N, C-alpha and C. Protein backbone atom coordinates (compact mmCIF):
# COMPACT_ATOMS: atom_id res chain seq x y z
N MET A 1 -73.95 -113.78 178.76
CA MET A 1 -74.99 -113.95 179.75
C MET A 1 -74.41 -114.48 181.05
N GLU A 2 -73.41 -113.81 181.52
CA GLU A 2 -72.72 -114.27 182.72
C GLU A 2 -73.53 -114.04 183.98
N HIS A 3 -74.55 -113.19 183.96
CA HIS A 3 -75.37 -112.90 185.14
C HIS A 3 -76.43 -113.96 185.38
N LEU A 4 -76.59 -114.90 184.48
CA LEU A 4 -77.61 -115.93 184.63
C LEU A 4 -77.20 -117.00 185.63
N GLU A 5 -78.21 -117.62 186.24
CA GLU A 5 -77.95 -118.81 187.06
C GLU A 5 -78.13 -120.01 186.15
N TRP A 6 -77.36 -121.06 186.40
CA TRP A 6 -77.36 -122.24 185.54
C TRP A 6 -77.56 -123.50 186.37
N GLY A 7 -78.11 -124.50 185.71
CA GLY A 7 -78.15 -125.83 186.29
C GLY A 7 -76.78 -126.47 186.11
N SER A 8 -76.61 -127.66 186.63
CA SER A 8 -75.33 -128.37 186.50
C SER A 8 -75.07 -128.75 185.04
N PRO A 9 -73.83 -128.58 184.57
CA PRO A 9 -73.50 -128.96 183.20
C PRO A 9 -73.56 -130.49 183.03
N VAL A 10 -74.01 -130.90 181.83
CA VAL A 10 -74.09 -132.31 181.49
C VAL A 10 -73.64 -132.47 180.04
N ALA A 11 -72.63 -133.28 179.82
CA ALA A 11 -72.14 -133.63 178.48
C ALA A 11 -71.87 -132.39 177.61
N GLY A 12 -71.35 -131.34 178.22
CA GLY A 12 -71.01 -130.13 177.47
C GLY A 12 -72.16 -129.19 177.23
N TRP A 13 -73.28 -129.39 177.93
CA TRP A 13 -74.45 -128.54 177.79
C TRP A 13 -74.85 -128.00 179.16
N ARG A 14 -75.59 -126.88 179.16
CA ARG A 14 -76.20 -126.40 180.39
C ARG A 14 -77.46 -125.60 180.05
N LEU A 15 -78.33 -125.47 181.06
CA LEU A 15 -79.60 -124.77 180.91
C LEU A 15 -79.75 -123.70 181.98
N SER A 16 -80.32 -122.59 181.59
CA SER A 16 -80.66 -121.53 182.53
C SER A 16 -82.14 -121.20 182.37
N LEU A 17 -82.79 -120.96 183.49
CA LEU A 17 -84.18 -120.51 183.50
C LEU A 17 -84.24 -119.21 184.28
N SER A 18 -84.95 -118.21 183.74
CA SER A 18 -85.11 -116.96 184.47
C SER A 18 -86.48 -116.36 184.20
N LEU A 19 -86.94 -115.57 185.16
CA LEU A 19 -88.17 -114.81 185.05
C LEU A 19 -87.80 -113.34 185.18
N ASP A 20 -88.64 -112.45 184.67
CA ASP A 20 -88.28 -111.03 184.74
C ASP A 20 -88.55 -110.41 186.10
N ARG A 21 -89.29 -111.12 186.97
CA ARG A 21 -89.51 -110.64 188.33
C ARG A 21 -89.80 -111.84 189.23
N LYS A 22 -89.90 -111.61 190.52
CA LYS A 22 -90.13 -112.69 191.49
C LYS A 22 -91.55 -112.70 192.05
N GLU A 23 -92.32 -111.62 191.80
CA GLU A 23 -93.70 -111.55 192.30
C GLU A 23 -94.63 -111.19 191.15
N PHE A 24 -95.79 -111.85 191.14
CA PHE A 24 -96.78 -111.64 190.08
C PHE A 24 -98.15 -111.48 190.69
N GLN A 25 -98.98 -110.71 190.01
CA GLN A 25 -100.36 -110.52 190.40
C GLN A 25 -101.21 -111.60 189.74
N PRO A 26 -102.40 -111.90 190.32
CA PRO A 26 -103.30 -112.87 189.68
C PRO A 26 -103.60 -112.43 188.24
N GLU A 27 -103.71 -113.38 187.35
CA GLU A 27 -104.03 -113.14 185.94
C GLU A 27 -102.89 -112.49 185.16
N GLN A 28 -101.76 -112.24 185.80
CA GLN A 28 -100.62 -111.66 185.09
C GLN A 28 -99.88 -112.77 184.35
N ARG A 29 -99.49 -112.51 183.11
CA ARG A 29 -98.76 -113.49 182.30
C ARG A 29 -97.34 -113.65 182.85
N ILE A 30 -96.93 -114.91 183.00
CA ILE A 30 -95.58 -115.21 183.48
C ILE A 30 -94.80 -115.86 182.35
N VAL A 31 -93.76 -115.20 181.89
CA VAL A 31 -92.95 -115.69 180.79
C VAL A 31 -91.58 -116.10 181.31
N ALA A 32 -91.18 -117.31 180.97
CA ALA A 32 -89.86 -117.82 181.36
C ALA A 32 -88.90 -117.72 180.19
N THR A 33 -87.69 -117.30 180.46
CA THR A 33 -86.64 -117.29 179.45
C THR A 33 -85.73 -118.48 179.72
N ILE A 34 -85.53 -119.28 178.68
CA ILE A 34 -84.70 -120.48 178.79
C ILE A 34 -83.51 -120.32 177.86
N VAL A 35 -82.32 -120.61 178.39
CA VAL A 35 -81.10 -120.56 177.59
C VAL A 35 -80.49 -121.96 177.61
N PHE A 36 -80.32 -122.53 176.42
CA PHE A 36 -79.72 -123.86 176.21
C PHE A 36 -78.37 -123.59 175.56
N GLN A 37 -77.28 -123.91 176.27
CA GLN A 37 -75.95 -123.49 175.83
C GLN A 37 -74.98 -124.66 175.69
N ASN A 38 -74.22 -124.61 174.60
CA ASN A 38 -73.11 -125.55 174.38
C ASN A 38 -71.89 -124.96 175.09
N ILE A 39 -71.47 -125.59 176.17
CA ILE A 39 -70.30 -125.06 176.90
C ILE A 39 -69.04 -125.86 176.61
N SER A 40 -69.12 -126.74 175.63
CA SER A 40 -67.94 -127.52 175.26
C SER A 40 -67.01 -126.66 174.40
N ASP A 41 -65.89 -127.23 174.00
CA ASP A 41 -64.95 -126.51 173.14
C ASP A 41 -65.06 -126.96 171.69
N ARG A 42 -66.21 -127.61 171.34
CA ARG A 42 -66.41 -128.08 169.97
C ARG A 42 -67.89 -127.97 169.59
N GLU A 43 -68.16 -128.08 168.31
CA GLU A 43 -69.55 -128.10 167.85
C GLU A 43 -70.26 -129.34 168.39
N GLN A 44 -71.52 -129.16 168.78
CA GLN A 44 -72.33 -130.29 169.25
C GLN A 44 -73.70 -130.23 168.57
N ARG A 45 -74.22 -131.39 168.23
CA ARG A 45 -75.53 -131.49 167.58
C ARG A 45 -76.62 -131.68 168.63
N PHE A 46 -77.81 -131.20 168.31
CA PHE A 46 -78.97 -131.38 169.18
C PHE A 46 -80.21 -131.54 168.31
N GLY A 47 -81.25 -132.09 168.87
CA GLY A 47 -82.49 -132.27 168.14
C GLY A 47 -83.66 -131.87 169.01
N GLY A 48 -84.81 -131.75 168.38
CA GLY A 48 -85.99 -131.38 169.15
C GLY A 48 -87.21 -131.24 168.29
N HIS A 49 -88.28 -130.80 168.91
CA HIS A 49 -89.56 -130.60 168.23
C HIS A 49 -89.94 -129.13 168.14
N GLY A 50 -89.28 -128.26 168.86
CA GLY A 50 -89.63 -126.84 168.88
C GLY A 50 -89.65 -126.35 170.31
N PRO A 51 -89.59 -125.03 170.51
CA PRO A 51 -89.40 -124.46 171.85
C PRO A 51 -90.37 -124.96 172.92
N VAL A 52 -91.66 -124.99 172.64
CA VAL A 52 -92.60 -125.40 173.68
C VAL A 52 -92.51 -126.90 173.95
N PHE A 53 -92.16 -127.67 172.95
CA PHE A 53 -92.14 -129.13 173.07
C PHE A 53 -90.86 -129.69 173.67
N ASP A 54 -89.75 -129.00 173.52
CA ASP A 54 -88.45 -129.55 173.92
C ASP A 54 -88.19 -129.52 175.43
N TYR A 55 -88.87 -128.63 176.13
CA TYR A 55 -88.58 -128.42 177.54
C TYR A 55 -89.67 -129.00 178.42
N VAL A 56 -89.25 -129.70 179.46
CA VAL A 56 -90.17 -130.30 180.41
C VAL A 56 -90.17 -129.41 181.66
N LEU A 57 -91.33 -128.88 182.00
CA LEU A 57 -91.45 -128.01 183.17
C LEU A 57 -91.70 -128.83 184.42
N ASP A 58 -91.02 -128.50 185.48
CA ASP A 58 -91.29 -129.07 186.80
C ASP A 58 -91.58 -127.89 187.72
N CYS A 59 -92.88 -127.67 187.98
CA CYS A 59 -93.29 -126.55 188.82
C CYS A 59 -94.05 -127.11 190.01
N ARG A 60 -93.69 -126.62 191.19
CA ARG A 60 -94.30 -127.09 192.43
C ARG A 60 -94.58 -125.92 193.35
N MET A 61 -95.61 -126.09 194.16
CA MET A 61 -95.83 -125.14 195.25
C MET A 61 -94.63 -125.32 196.19
N ASP A 62 -94.31 -124.32 196.98
CA ASP A 62 -93.12 -124.42 197.83
C ASP A 62 -93.21 -125.52 198.87
N TYR A 63 -94.40 -126.08 199.11
CA TYR A 63 -94.55 -127.20 200.04
C TYR A 63 -94.51 -128.55 199.31
N GLY A 64 -94.25 -128.53 198.00
CA GLY A 64 -94.01 -129.77 197.27
C GLY A 64 -95.09 -130.24 196.31
N GLN A 65 -96.31 -129.72 196.39
CA GLN A 65 -97.38 -130.17 195.51
C GLN A 65 -97.08 -129.77 194.06
N LYS A 66 -97.11 -130.76 193.16
CA LYS A 66 -96.84 -130.51 191.75
C LYS A 66 -97.98 -129.71 191.12
N VAL A 67 -97.63 -128.74 190.31
CA VAL A 67 -98.60 -127.90 189.61
C VAL A 67 -99.02 -128.62 188.33
N PRO A 68 -100.32 -128.86 188.15
CA PRO A 68 -100.76 -129.57 186.95
C PRO A 68 -100.72 -128.67 185.71
N PRO A 69 -100.67 -129.28 184.53
CA PRO A 69 -100.73 -128.49 183.31
C PRO A 69 -102.14 -127.96 183.08
N THR A 70 -102.25 -126.88 182.32
CA THR A 70 -103.55 -126.40 181.87
C THR A 70 -104.05 -127.35 180.78
N LEU A 71 -105.27 -127.16 180.32
CA LEU A 71 -105.79 -127.97 179.23
C LEU A 71 -104.89 -127.80 178.00
N PHE A 72 -104.47 -126.57 177.74
CA PHE A 72 -103.54 -126.31 176.63
C PHE A 72 -102.23 -127.06 176.85
N GLY A 73 -101.70 -127.02 178.07
CA GLY A 73 -100.46 -127.73 178.39
C GLY A 73 -100.60 -129.22 178.18
N LYS A 74 -101.73 -129.80 178.58
CA LYS A 74 -101.97 -131.24 178.37
C LYS A 74 -102.00 -131.57 176.88
N THR A 75 -102.67 -130.71 176.11
CA THR A 75 -102.75 -130.93 174.67
C THR A 75 -101.36 -130.86 174.04
N MET A 76 -100.57 -129.90 174.45
CA MET A 76 -99.20 -129.77 173.91
C MET A 76 -98.38 -131.01 174.24
N LEU A 77 -98.48 -131.50 175.47
CA LEU A 77 -97.75 -132.71 175.86
C LEU A 77 -98.21 -133.92 175.04
N ALA A 78 -99.52 -134.05 174.86
CA ALA A 78 -100.06 -135.19 174.12
C ALA A 78 -99.66 -135.17 172.64
N ASN A 79 -99.43 -133.99 172.10
CA ASN A 79 -99.11 -133.86 170.67
C ASN A 79 -97.63 -133.69 170.38
N ARG A 80 -96.80 -133.84 171.38
CA ARG A 80 -95.36 -133.62 171.23
C ARG A 80 -94.76 -134.42 170.07
N GLU A 81 -95.12 -135.67 169.94
CA GLU A 81 -94.54 -136.53 168.91
C GLU A 81 -95.07 -136.24 167.51
N LEU A 82 -96.14 -135.45 167.39
CA LEU A 82 -96.72 -135.15 166.09
C LEU A 82 -96.06 -133.96 165.41
N VAL A 83 -95.24 -133.24 166.13
CA VAL A 83 -94.60 -132.04 165.61
C VAL A 83 -93.35 -132.41 164.84
N ARG A 84 -93.10 -131.69 163.76
CA ARG A 84 -91.92 -131.97 162.95
C ARG A 84 -90.65 -131.83 163.79
N THR A 85 -89.67 -132.57 163.44
CA THR A 85 -88.41 -132.55 164.17
C THR A 85 -87.53 -131.41 163.68
N VAL A 86 -86.95 -130.69 164.63
CA VAL A 86 -86.03 -129.61 164.33
C VAL A 86 -84.73 -129.86 165.09
N GLY A 87 -83.77 -129.05 164.86
CA GLY A 87 -82.51 -129.19 165.58
C GLY A 87 -81.40 -128.63 164.74
N GLY A 88 -80.21 -129.06 165.03
CA GLY A 88 -79.07 -128.56 164.30
C GLY A 88 -77.81 -128.75 165.11
N ALA A 89 -76.96 -127.77 165.02
CA ALA A 89 -75.69 -127.82 165.74
C ALA A 89 -75.42 -126.45 166.34
N LEU A 90 -74.76 -126.47 167.47
CA LEU A 90 -74.30 -125.24 168.09
C LEU A 90 -72.78 -125.30 168.18
N GLN A 91 -72.15 -124.23 167.77
CA GLN A 91 -70.71 -124.13 167.92
C GLN A 91 -70.37 -123.97 169.40
N ALA A 92 -69.11 -124.15 169.74
CA ALA A 92 -68.66 -123.96 171.11
C ALA A 92 -69.11 -122.60 171.62
N LYS A 93 -69.69 -122.59 172.82
CA LYS A 93 -70.15 -121.39 173.53
C LYS A 93 -71.40 -120.74 172.92
N GLN A 94 -71.98 -121.30 171.87
CA GLN A 94 -73.22 -120.76 171.33
C GLN A 94 -74.41 -121.24 172.15
N GLN A 95 -75.55 -120.55 171.97
CA GLN A 95 -76.73 -120.89 172.76
C GLN A 95 -78.01 -120.63 171.97
N VAL A 96 -79.06 -121.26 172.43
CA VAL A 96 -80.40 -121.04 171.91
C VAL A 96 -81.19 -120.41 173.05
N VAL A 97 -81.91 -119.32 172.77
CA VAL A 97 -82.72 -118.64 173.77
C VAL A 97 -84.19 -118.70 173.32
N VAL A 98 -85.06 -119.18 174.23
CA VAL A 98 -86.49 -119.23 173.94
C VAL A 98 -87.27 -118.67 175.12
N GLU A 99 -88.46 -118.19 174.83
CA GLU A 99 -89.37 -117.74 175.88
C GLU A 99 -90.63 -118.58 175.79
N ILE A 100 -91.11 -119.04 176.95
CA ILE A 100 -92.36 -119.79 176.99
C ILE A 100 -93.25 -119.21 178.08
N SER A 101 -94.55 -119.29 177.86
CA SER A 101 -95.52 -118.76 178.82
C SER A 101 -95.86 -119.83 179.85
N LEU A 102 -95.42 -119.62 181.07
CA LEU A 102 -95.75 -120.57 182.15
C LEU A 102 -97.26 -120.57 182.41
N THR A 103 -97.89 -119.40 182.33
CA THR A 103 -99.32 -119.32 182.62
C THR A 103 -100.16 -119.98 181.54
N ARG A 104 -99.63 -120.16 180.36
CA ARG A 104 -100.35 -120.86 179.29
C ARG A 104 -100.23 -122.37 179.46
N LEU A 105 -99.12 -122.82 180.01
CA LEU A 105 -98.84 -124.26 180.11
C LEU A 105 -99.15 -124.86 181.47
N LEU A 106 -99.15 -124.05 182.54
CA LEU A 106 -99.34 -124.55 183.89
C LEU A 106 -100.52 -123.89 184.57
N ASP A 107 -101.22 -124.63 185.42
CA ASP A 107 -102.36 -124.09 186.16
C ASP A 107 -101.84 -123.30 187.37
N LEU A 108 -101.55 -122.04 187.12
CA LEU A 108 -101.03 -121.15 188.16
C LEU A 108 -102.16 -120.27 188.69
N SER A 109 -103.23 -120.90 189.16
CA SER A 109 -104.41 -120.16 189.59
C SER A 109 -104.45 -119.92 191.10
N LEU A 110 -103.61 -120.60 191.85
CA LEU A 110 -103.62 -120.43 193.30
C LEU A 110 -102.54 -119.45 193.75
N PRO A 111 -102.87 -118.53 194.65
CA PRO A 111 -101.83 -117.66 195.20
C PRO A 111 -100.86 -118.50 196.04
N GLY A 112 -99.64 -118.07 196.10
CA GLY A 112 -98.66 -118.78 196.91
C GLY A 112 -97.27 -118.70 196.31
N LYS A 113 -96.36 -119.44 196.93
CA LYS A 113 -94.97 -119.47 196.49
C LYS A 113 -94.74 -120.74 195.67
N TYR A 114 -93.97 -120.58 194.59
CA TYR A 114 -93.72 -121.65 193.64
C TYR A 114 -92.22 -121.81 193.39
N LEU A 115 -91.85 -123.02 192.97
CA LEU A 115 -90.49 -123.32 192.52
C LEU A 115 -90.61 -123.98 191.15
N VAL A 116 -89.80 -123.55 190.19
CA VAL A 116 -89.88 -124.10 188.84
C VAL A 116 -88.48 -124.30 188.26
N ASN A 117 -88.34 -125.38 187.48
CA ASN A 117 -87.15 -125.58 186.67
C ASN A 117 -87.57 -126.26 185.38
N VAL A 118 -86.68 -126.32 184.42
CA VAL A 118 -86.94 -127.02 183.16
C VAL A 118 -85.83 -128.02 182.91
N SER A 119 -86.16 -129.02 182.11
CA SER A 119 -85.15 -129.97 181.68
C SER A 119 -85.40 -130.29 180.21
N ARG A 120 -84.42 -130.86 179.58
CA ARG A 120 -84.56 -131.33 178.20
C ARG A 120 -83.49 -132.36 177.92
N GLN A 121 -83.77 -133.23 176.96
CA GLN A 121 -82.73 -134.12 176.47
C GLN A 121 -81.97 -133.37 175.39
N VAL A 122 -80.71 -133.74 175.19
CA VAL A 122 -79.94 -133.11 174.13
C VAL A 122 -80.68 -133.30 172.81
N ASP A 123 -81.13 -134.52 172.53
CA ASP A 123 -81.94 -134.77 171.35
C ASP A 123 -83.34 -135.08 171.82
N ALA A 124 -84.17 -134.04 171.85
CA ALA A 124 -85.54 -134.18 172.35
C ALA A 124 -86.49 -134.66 171.26
N SER A 125 -85.98 -135.00 170.07
CA SER A 125 -86.83 -135.43 168.97
C SER A 125 -87.20 -136.90 169.10
N ALA A 126 -88.10 -137.35 168.27
CA ALA A 126 -88.53 -138.76 168.29
C ALA A 126 -87.37 -139.69 167.97
N SER A 127 -86.38 -139.19 167.22
CA SER A 127 -85.24 -140.04 166.87
C SER A 127 -84.17 -140.07 167.96
N GLY A 128 -84.36 -139.28 169.01
CA GLY A 128 -83.38 -139.25 170.10
C GLY A 128 -83.35 -140.56 170.87
N ALA A 129 -82.18 -140.95 171.27
CA ALA A 129 -82.04 -142.19 172.04
C ALA A 129 -82.48 -141.97 173.48
N PRO A 130 -83.16 -142.95 174.08
CA PRO A 130 -83.56 -142.80 175.49
C PRO A 130 -82.37 -142.55 176.41
N SER A 131 -81.18 -142.94 175.96
CA SER A 131 -79.98 -142.76 176.77
C SER A 131 -79.39 -141.36 176.65
N ASP A 132 -79.92 -140.52 175.73
CA ASP A 132 -79.42 -139.15 175.63
C ASP A 132 -79.53 -138.48 176.99
N PRO A 133 -78.52 -137.73 177.38
CA PRO A 133 -78.55 -137.12 178.71
C PRO A 133 -79.62 -136.06 178.86
N PHE A 134 -80.14 -135.94 180.08
CA PHE A 134 -81.07 -134.87 180.45
C PHE A 134 -80.27 -133.76 181.08
N ILE A 135 -80.56 -132.55 180.67
CA ILE A 135 -79.95 -131.36 181.25
C ILE A 135 -81.04 -130.67 182.06
N VAL A 136 -80.74 -130.27 183.29
CA VAL A 136 -81.72 -129.64 184.17
C VAL A 136 -81.23 -128.23 184.50
N SER A 137 -82.15 -127.29 184.44
CA SER A 137 -81.81 -125.89 184.74
C SER A 137 -81.70 -125.65 186.24
N ASN A 138 -81.35 -124.45 186.57
CA ASN A 138 -81.44 -123.94 187.94
C ASN A 138 -82.92 -123.90 188.33
N THR A 139 -83.19 -123.78 189.61
CA THR A 139 -84.57 -123.65 190.10
C THR A 139 -84.83 -122.19 190.45
N VAL A 140 -86.00 -121.71 190.02
CA VAL A 140 -86.38 -120.32 190.23
C VAL A 140 -87.60 -120.29 191.16
N ALA A 141 -87.55 -119.42 192.17
CA ALA A 141 -88.67 -119.21 193.07
C ALA A 141 -89.43 -117.97 192.64
N PHE A 142 -90.77 -118.06 192.73
CA PHE A 142 -91.60 -116.88 192.47
C PHE A 142 -92.87 -116.98 193.29
N GLU A 143 -93.60 -115.88 193.37
CA GLU A 143 -94.81 -115.84 194.19
C GLU A 143 -95.96 -115.23 193.40
N LEU A 144 -97.12 -115.86 193.53
CA LEU A 144 -98.36 -115.28 193.02
C LEU A 144 -99.07 -114.66 194.22
N LYS A 145 -99.29 -113.37 194.15
CA LYS A 145 -99.89 -112.63 195.27
C LYS A 145 -101.39 -112.88 195.35
N GLU A 146 -101.94 -112.64 196.52
CA GLU A 146 -103.40 -112.70 196.70
C GLU A 146 -104.03 -111.57 195.90
N GLN A 147 -105.26 -111.77 195.50
CA GLN A 147 -105.96 -110.73 194.74
C GLN A 147 -106.36 -109.58 195.62
């Protein structure tokens, strides 16, 4: 996946966020592809709660206003700690690829230009230490067109 844009590497990990296009029509589903990659030269362990729970979305209008979560997004955030813990290990250069629906998690009801990135802790589970590093993806720009 050498064509992907990446955030800055942290502790042998990196994140990439991508969308399949840069412009969307109102009511069109927007799916983000997230790649969590071990770029170290050794196996590394990670933890989490599952694809939707492990990643923290930061989406803003291009003028800086933060995009609020949908009711579903709020419920998912509130229930993050109730989900069973998952995780494992990734060998050197291995990665985990997930897709999440931005339109399901974020209130993307206003036309305009947006900027989004994701972050996660290496161990995003309840047993993860607060000192575990946060990895932040690249930032992706997209636009919701007028109806």
